[in-house]
Protein backbone atom coordinates (compact mmCIF):
# COMPACT_ATOMS: atom_id res chain seq x y z
CA UNK A 1 0.00 0.00 0.00
CA UNK A 2 1.44 3.38 -0.99
CA UNK A 3 1.95 6.00 1.71
CA UNK A 4 3.98 8.88 0.36
CA UNK A 5 5.27 11.96 2.13
CA UNK A 6 7.36 15.09 1.72
CA UNK A 7 9.07 17.23 4.37
CA UNK A 8 8.70 21.02 4.25
CA UNK A 9 10.96 23.25 6.33
CA UNK A 10 10.15 26.49 8.11
CA UNK A 11 10.96 29.85 6.47
CA UNK A 12 11.95 33.18 7.98
CA UNK A 13 9.78 36.07 6.72
CA UNK A 14 12.90 38.04 5.71
CA UNK A 15 13.92 35.17 3.45
CA UNK A 16 10.40 34.74 2.10
CA UNK A 17 10.35 38.20 0.47
CA UNK A 18 13.16 37.13 -1.88
CA UNK A 19 11.38 34.01 -3.13
CA UNK A 20 10.31 33.90 -6.77
CA UNK A 21 7.10 32.23 -7.94
CA UNK A 22 8.47 28.71 -8.34
CA UNK A 23 10.19 28.80 -4.92
CA UNK A 24 7.01 29.96 -3.18
CA UNK A 25 5.08 27.13 -4.79
CA UNK A 26 7.79 24.61 -3.93
CA UNK A 27 7.84 25.58 -0.24
CA UNK A 28 4.15 26.21 0.50
CA UNK A 29 1.86 24.71 -2.17
CA UNK A 30 0.73 21.09 -1.76
CA UNK A 31 -0.36 19.38 -4.97
CA UNK A 32 -1.47 15.83 -5.84
CA UNK A 33 -3.03 14.97 -2.49
CA UNK A 34 -5.52 12.59 -4.09
CA UNK A 35 -3.98 9.70 -6.01
CA UNK A 36 -6.03 6.53 -6.49
CA UNK A 37 -5.59 4.03 -3.63
CA UNK A 38 -2.76 6.05 -2.11
CA UNK A 39 -2.19 8.26 0.91
CA UNK A 40 -0.12 11.37 0.25
CA UNK A 41 0.99 13.86 2.86
CA UNK A 42 3.34 16.70 3.74
CA UNK A 43 5.15 16.75 7.10
CA UNK A 44 5.69 20.43 7.88
CA UNK A 45 8.17 21.90 10.35
CA UNK A 46 5.51 24.49 11.20
CA UNK A 47 4.26 23.05 14.51
CA UNK A 48 5.01 19.55 13.12
CA UNK A 49 1.71 19.81 11.25
CA UNK A 50 0.77 17.16 8.68
CA UNK A 51 -1.46 17.79 5.67
CA UNK A 52 -2.66 14.75 3.74
CA UNK A 53 -5.19 13.08 1.51
CA UNK A 54 -6.49 9.53 1.05
CA UNK A 55 -8.33 8.46 -2.12
CA UNK A 56 -9.60 4.87 -1.74
CA UNK A 57 -11.10 3.28 -4.81
CA UNK A 58 -10.40 -0.44 -5.19
CA UNK A 59 -8.26 -0.81 -2.06
CA UNK A 60 -8.42 0.21 1.60
CA UNK A 61 -5.24 2.25 2.19
CA UNK A 62 -3.90 2.30 5.74
CA UNK A 63 -2.39 5.32 7.44
CA UNK A 64 0.97 3.77 8.13
CA UNK A 65 3.61 5.57 10.13
CA UNK A 66 6.27 7.60 8.31
CA UNK A 67 9.93 8.01 9.17
CA UNK A 68 9.81 11.62 10.50
CA UNK A 69 7.38 10.52 13.24
CA UNK A 70 9.84 7.92 14.58
CA UNK A 71 7.03 5.81 16.04
CA UNK A 72 5.52 2.39 15.40
CA UNK A 73 2.05 3.87 14.89
CA UNK A 74 1.10 7.09 13.12
CA UNK A 75 -1.09 8.07 16.07
CA UNK A 76 1.28 7.08 18.89
CA UNK A 77 1.95 10.75 19.72
CA UNK A 78 -0.51 12.43 17.36
CA UNK A 79 -4.14 13.41 16.89
CA UNK A 80 -5.94 13.40 13.56
CA UNK A 81 -8.78 15.31 11.90
CA UNK A 82 -10.44 13.95 8.75
CA UNK A 83 -13.03 15.61 6.48
CA UNK A 84 -14.62 13.80 3.55
CA UNK A 85 -14.85 15.93 0.39
CA UNK A 86 -16.08 13.14 -1.88
CA UNK A 87 -18.78 10.47 -1.91
CA UNK A 88 -19.76 8.41 1.12
CA UNK A 89 -16.82 6.70 2.77
CA UNK A 90 -15.72 4.62 5.73
CA UNK A 91 -12.88 5.33 8.13
CA UNK A 92 -11.85 2.40 10.30
CA UNK A 93 -10.06 3.29 13.54
CA UNK A 94 -8.83 0.16 15.27
CA UNK A 95 -11.88 -2.12 15.28
CA UNK A 96 -14.47 0.68 14.92
CA UNK A 97 -15.86 1.86 11.60
CA UNK A 98 -17.23 5.35 11.00
CA UNK A 99 -19.31 6.25 7.96
CA UNK A 100 -18.70 9.77 6.64
CA UNK A 101 -20.96 11.47 4.14
CA UNK A 102 -19.77 14.40 2.06
CA UNK A 103 -18.46 17.18 4.35
CA UNK A 104 -18.67 15.04 7.50
CA UNK A 105 -15.65 15.02 9.81
CA UNK A 106 -13.98 12.59 12.19
CA UNK A 107 -11.65 13.47 15.04
CA UNK A 108 -9.29 10.65 16.05
CA UNK A 109 -7.39 10.88 19.32
CA UNK A 110 -3.86 9.75 20.11
CA UNK A 111 -3.32 6.01 20.48
CA UNK A 112 -1.75 2.88 19.01
CA UNK A 113 -4.43 2.11 16.44
CA UNK A 114 -4.44 1.64 12.69
CA UNK A 115 -6.57 3.95 10.54
CA UNK A 116 -7.80 2.87 7.12
CA UNK A 117 -10.01 4.43 4.45
CA UNK A 118 -12.62 3.00 2.07
CA UNK A 119 -15.29 4.18 -0.36
CA UNK A 120 -18.87 2.98 -0.08
CA UNK A 121 -19.37 3.19 -3.84
CA UNK A 122 -16.28 3.18 -6.10
CA UNK A 123 -18.34 4.93 -8.78
CA UNK A 124 -18.65 7.87 -6.38
CA UNK A 125 -15.49 7.50 -4.32
CA UNK A 126 -14.75 9.16 -1.01
CA UNK A 127 -11.92 11.67 -0.79
CA UNK A 128 -10.53 12.10 2.70
CA UNK A 129 -8.58 15.26 3.50
CA UNK A 130 -6.77 15.14 6.83
CA UNK A 131 -4.64 17.18 9.21
CA UNK A 132 -2.57 15.87 12.10
CA UNK A 133 -0.73 17.52 14.98
CA UNK A 134 1.34 16.29 17.93
CA UNK A 135 -0.70 15.34 21.00
CA UNK A 136 0.15 15.01 24.68
CA UNK A 137 -2.88 12.93 25.74
CA UNK A 138 -5.63 10.83 24.22
CA UNK A 139 -9.00 12.46 23.54
CA UNK A 140 -12.15 10.54 22.51
CA UNK A 141 -12.84 9.84 18.83
CA UNK A 142 -15.82 11.85 17.60
CA UNK A 143 -17.80 11.86 14.36
CA UNK A 144 -19.11 15.34 13.52
CA UNK A 145 -21.61 15.95 10.73
CA UNK A 146 -21.81 19.23 8.87
CA UNK A 147 -25.16 19.87 10.55
CA UNK A 148 -23.50 19.66 13.97
CA UNK A 149 -20.92 22.33 13.11
CA UNK A 150 -21.08 25.75 14.75
CA UNK A 151 -21.96 28.14 11.95
CA UNK A 152 -20.85 31.75 11.61
CA UNK A 153 -22.37 33.89 8.87
CA UNK A 154 -19.74 36.37 7.71
CA UNK A 155 -19.27 39.08 5.09
CA UNK A 156 -21.74 40.34 2.52
CA UNK A 157 -22.50 40.04 -1.16
CA UNK A 158 -21.74 43.75 -1.54
CA UNK A 159 -18.11 43.12 -0.54
CA UNK A 160 -17.96 39.78 -2.43
CA UNK A 161 -17.25 37.75 0.70
CA UNK A 162 -20.57 36.39 1.95
CA UNK A 163 -19.70 33.04 3.47
CA UNK A 164 -20.56 30.46 6.12
CA UNK A 165 -17.77 29.42 8.46
CA UNK A 166 -18.44 25.92 9.79
CA UNK A 167 -16.44 25.37 12.97
CA UNK A 168 -16.18 21.58 13.16
CA UNK A 169 -13.19 20.32 15.14
CA UNK A 170 -12.91 23.10 17.70
CA UNK A 171 -12.84 23.02 21.49
CA UNK A 172 -16.47 24.10 21.80
CA UNK A 173 -17.54 20.90 20.00
CA UNK A 174 -14.70 18.37 20.27
CA UNK A 175 -12.03 17.90 22.92
CA UNK A 176 -8.58 18.07 21.30
CA UNK A 177 -5.01 18.74 22.32
CA UNK A 178 -4.23 21.46 19.78
CA UNK A 179 -5.78 20.56 16.43
CA UNK A 180 -8.63 22.68 15.06
CA UNK A 181 -10.41 22.32 11.73
CA UNK A 182 -13.36 23.81 9.94
CA UNK A 183 -14.88 24.50 6.55
CA UNK A 184 -15.82 27.77 4.87
CA UNK A 185 -18.42 27.78 2.10
CA UNK A 186 -18.70 30.86 -0.09
CA UNK A 187 -22.07 31.98 -1.42
CA UNK A 188 -22.60 32.33 -5.19
CA UNK A 189 -21.31 35.72 -6.30
CA UNK A 190 -18.74 35.88 -3.48
CA UNK A 191 -15.06 35.16 -4.07
CA UNK A 192 -13.05 36.60 -1.14
CA UNK A 193 -12.26 34.59 1.97
CA UNK A 194 -10.70 35.66 5.27
CA UNK A 195 -11.03 39.30 4.33
CA UNK A 196 -10.20 41.49 6.22
CA UNK A 197 -7.11 39.32 6.82
CA UNK A 198 -5.26 38.46 9.98
CA UNK A 199 -2.23 36.61 11.34
CA UNK A 200 -1.95 34.61 14.55
CA UNK A 201 1.55 34.30 15.91
CA UNK A 202 0.49 31.58 18.35
CA UNK A 203 -0.42 29.02 15.70
CA UNK A 204 0.09 28.10 12.06
CA UNK A 205 -2.60 27.19 9.54
CA UNK A 206 -3.19 25.23 6.35
CA UNK A 207 -5.88 25.84 3.73
CA UNK A 208 -7.30 23.20 1.38
CA UNK A 209 -9.37 24.47 -1.56
CA UNK A 210 -12.07 22.32 -3.12
CA UNK A 211 -15.25 22.64 -5.16
CA UNK A 212 -13.30 24.93 -7.45
CA UNK A 213 -15.07 24.59 -10.83
CA UNK A 214 -13.22 23.31 -13.90
CA UNK A 215 -11.19 25.99 -15.66
CA UNK A 216 -11.43 28.25 -12.61
CA UNK A 217 -8.77 29.04 -9.99
CA UNK A 218 -8.16 30.56 -6.57
CA UNK A 219 -5.49 33.18 -5.95
CA UNK A 220 -4.22 32.67 -2.39
CA UNK A 221 -2.39 35.56 -0.75
CA UNK A 222 0.28 35.02 1.87
CA UNK A 223 3.14 36.89 3.53
CA UNK A 224 3.30 39.61 6.14
CA UNK A 225 0.57 42.24 5.68
CA UNK A 226 3.09 44.78 4.37
CA UNK A 227 4.78 42.29 2.02
CA UNK A 228 2.33 39.89 0.36
CA UNK A 229 2.73 37.33 -2.42
CA UNK A 230 0.15 35.36 -4.47
CA UNK A 231 -0.12 31.65 -5.23
CA UNK A 232 -2.51 30.57 -7.98
CA UNK A 233 -4.17 27.33 -6.92
CA UNK A 234 -6.38 24.68 -8.51
CA UNK A 235 -9.06 22.38 -7.15
CA UNK A 236 -7.95 19.94 -4.41
CA UNK A 237 -4.73 21.76 -3.59
CA UNK A 238 -3.54 22.94 -0.17
CA UNK A 239 -1.20 25.63 1.08
CA UNK A 240 0.81 26.05 4.28
CA UNK A 241 0.49 29.33 6.16
CA UNK A 242 3.21 30.26 8.68
CA UNK A 243 2.20 32.09 11.84
CA UNK A 244 3.58 35.38 10.44
CA UNK A 245 1.54 35.14 7.23
CA UNK A 246 -1.91 36.26 6.22
CA UNK A 247 -4.07 33.59 4.57
CA UNK A 248 -6.71 35.06 2.30
CA UNK A 249 -7.82 34.37 -1.23
CA UNK A 250 -9.99 35.44 -4.13
CA UNK A 251 -11.34 33.04 -6.72
CA UNK A 252 -12.56 33.38 -10.26
CA UNK A 253 -15.72 31.67 -8.94
CA UNK A 254 -17.12 30.82 -5.54
CA UNK A 255 -15.55 27.74 -3.93
CA UNK A 256 -15.04 26.01 -0.57
CA UNK A 257 -12.04 25.49 1.64
CA UNK A 258 -11.00 23.64 4.78
CA UNK A 259 -8.85 25.36 7.35
CA UNK A 260 -6.75 23.53 9.88
CA UNK A 261 -4.67 24.96 12.72
CA UNK A 262 -2.25 23.90 15.42
CA UNK A 263 -0.16 25.79 17.92
CA UNK A 264 -0.09 27.26 21.37
CA UNK A 265 -3.78 27.69 22.20
CA UNK A 266 -7.34 26.70 21.27
CA UNK A 267 -8.86 30.18 21.26
CA UNK A 268 -10.38 30.49 17.78
CA UNK A 269 -10.64 34.29 18.09
CA UNK A 270 -6.96 34.70 18.99
CA UNK A 271 -5.80 36.62 15.93
CA UNK A 272 -4.13 39.89 15.01
CA UNK A 273 -6.23 41.69 12.43
CA UNK A 274 -4.77 43.66 9.55
CA UNK A 275 -6.57 46.54 7.87
CA UNK A 276 -7.36 46.12 4.20
CA UNK A 277 -6.06 49.63 3.61
CA UNK A 278 -2.67 48.63 5.07
CA UNK A 279 -2.06 45.65 2.79
CA UNK A 280 0.85 45.89 0.39
C-alpha cells in the first residue's frame, strides 16, 4: 500500500520576500493529495503539522507511520482530523468503523491504532482530507456531521465575501489537544475569503481548496501584511500558512475550503487583524 510523504521546512519572513514564484510554490503549495488508492501527505516543520489526503477506490489504504514521526504507529503521539470531500466513505479506527458522508468530519485521538479508508461506492469514491498535529494525551474519537458544526455567517455580497464558516473540530464541540479544523463555504457571487485578513503568531494554519469549478482558480495571498505574495491554486490543492503570514484568497468563482490549525492555544478568536487599507 502506498503511503507517500514530503518534508517542508520552516521559512523566515525576511527570506520569504526574496522568493520567486516557483520557490514559493515549492515551499508552500501542496499538490497531488488525491492519487487513487494512495495516501499522500506533507510533514511540515511548522508546529510539526501534517497535511494529507487519502483516495480509496479499489483498495483500503492504511495510514501507516512515516519516518519523521519515529514511532511504530502514526497516532502514537498524534491526533488526527479527517473531512470527507467526496462520496460516502468509511474510516476504520482500530476495530471501529465510522461512515462519513460528504463534508462530515472525524476526530481521532492519540493512540496505538491503525486507521484505514474506504469508499462505499467506487463509482462515487470518497476523498478524505486530513490534518494531524502532535498530542500530549488521548482524547475521545468523535464523528461530527456538517449539521453539527457551529456556523458563523460572515461578510456580505456587496463586498464579495458572503460566506458560512463551519467550525467543526474546535474546542467548543470536540475535545482536542491542539488541532482545530473547519470548513468555509462561499455563497454564489462571493469570491473573497478571510477578508479582512489576519495573522496569529500563536499558531500556524493550512488551507485546502475544493469545489473549485473546472477551468477556474483561486489566488491565495500570503506573507506579512506589508509584504504579500500570491499563489494561484487549482481544485484539491492545499497551502501552508506560517504564523507570520496572512491567509486570504480570491477566486474566479465561488468555492469552498477547509482550514486547519495547530499551535499554542485553542482560542479560535486569537488573531491579530490587519486593515485592508494597510495591505501591500
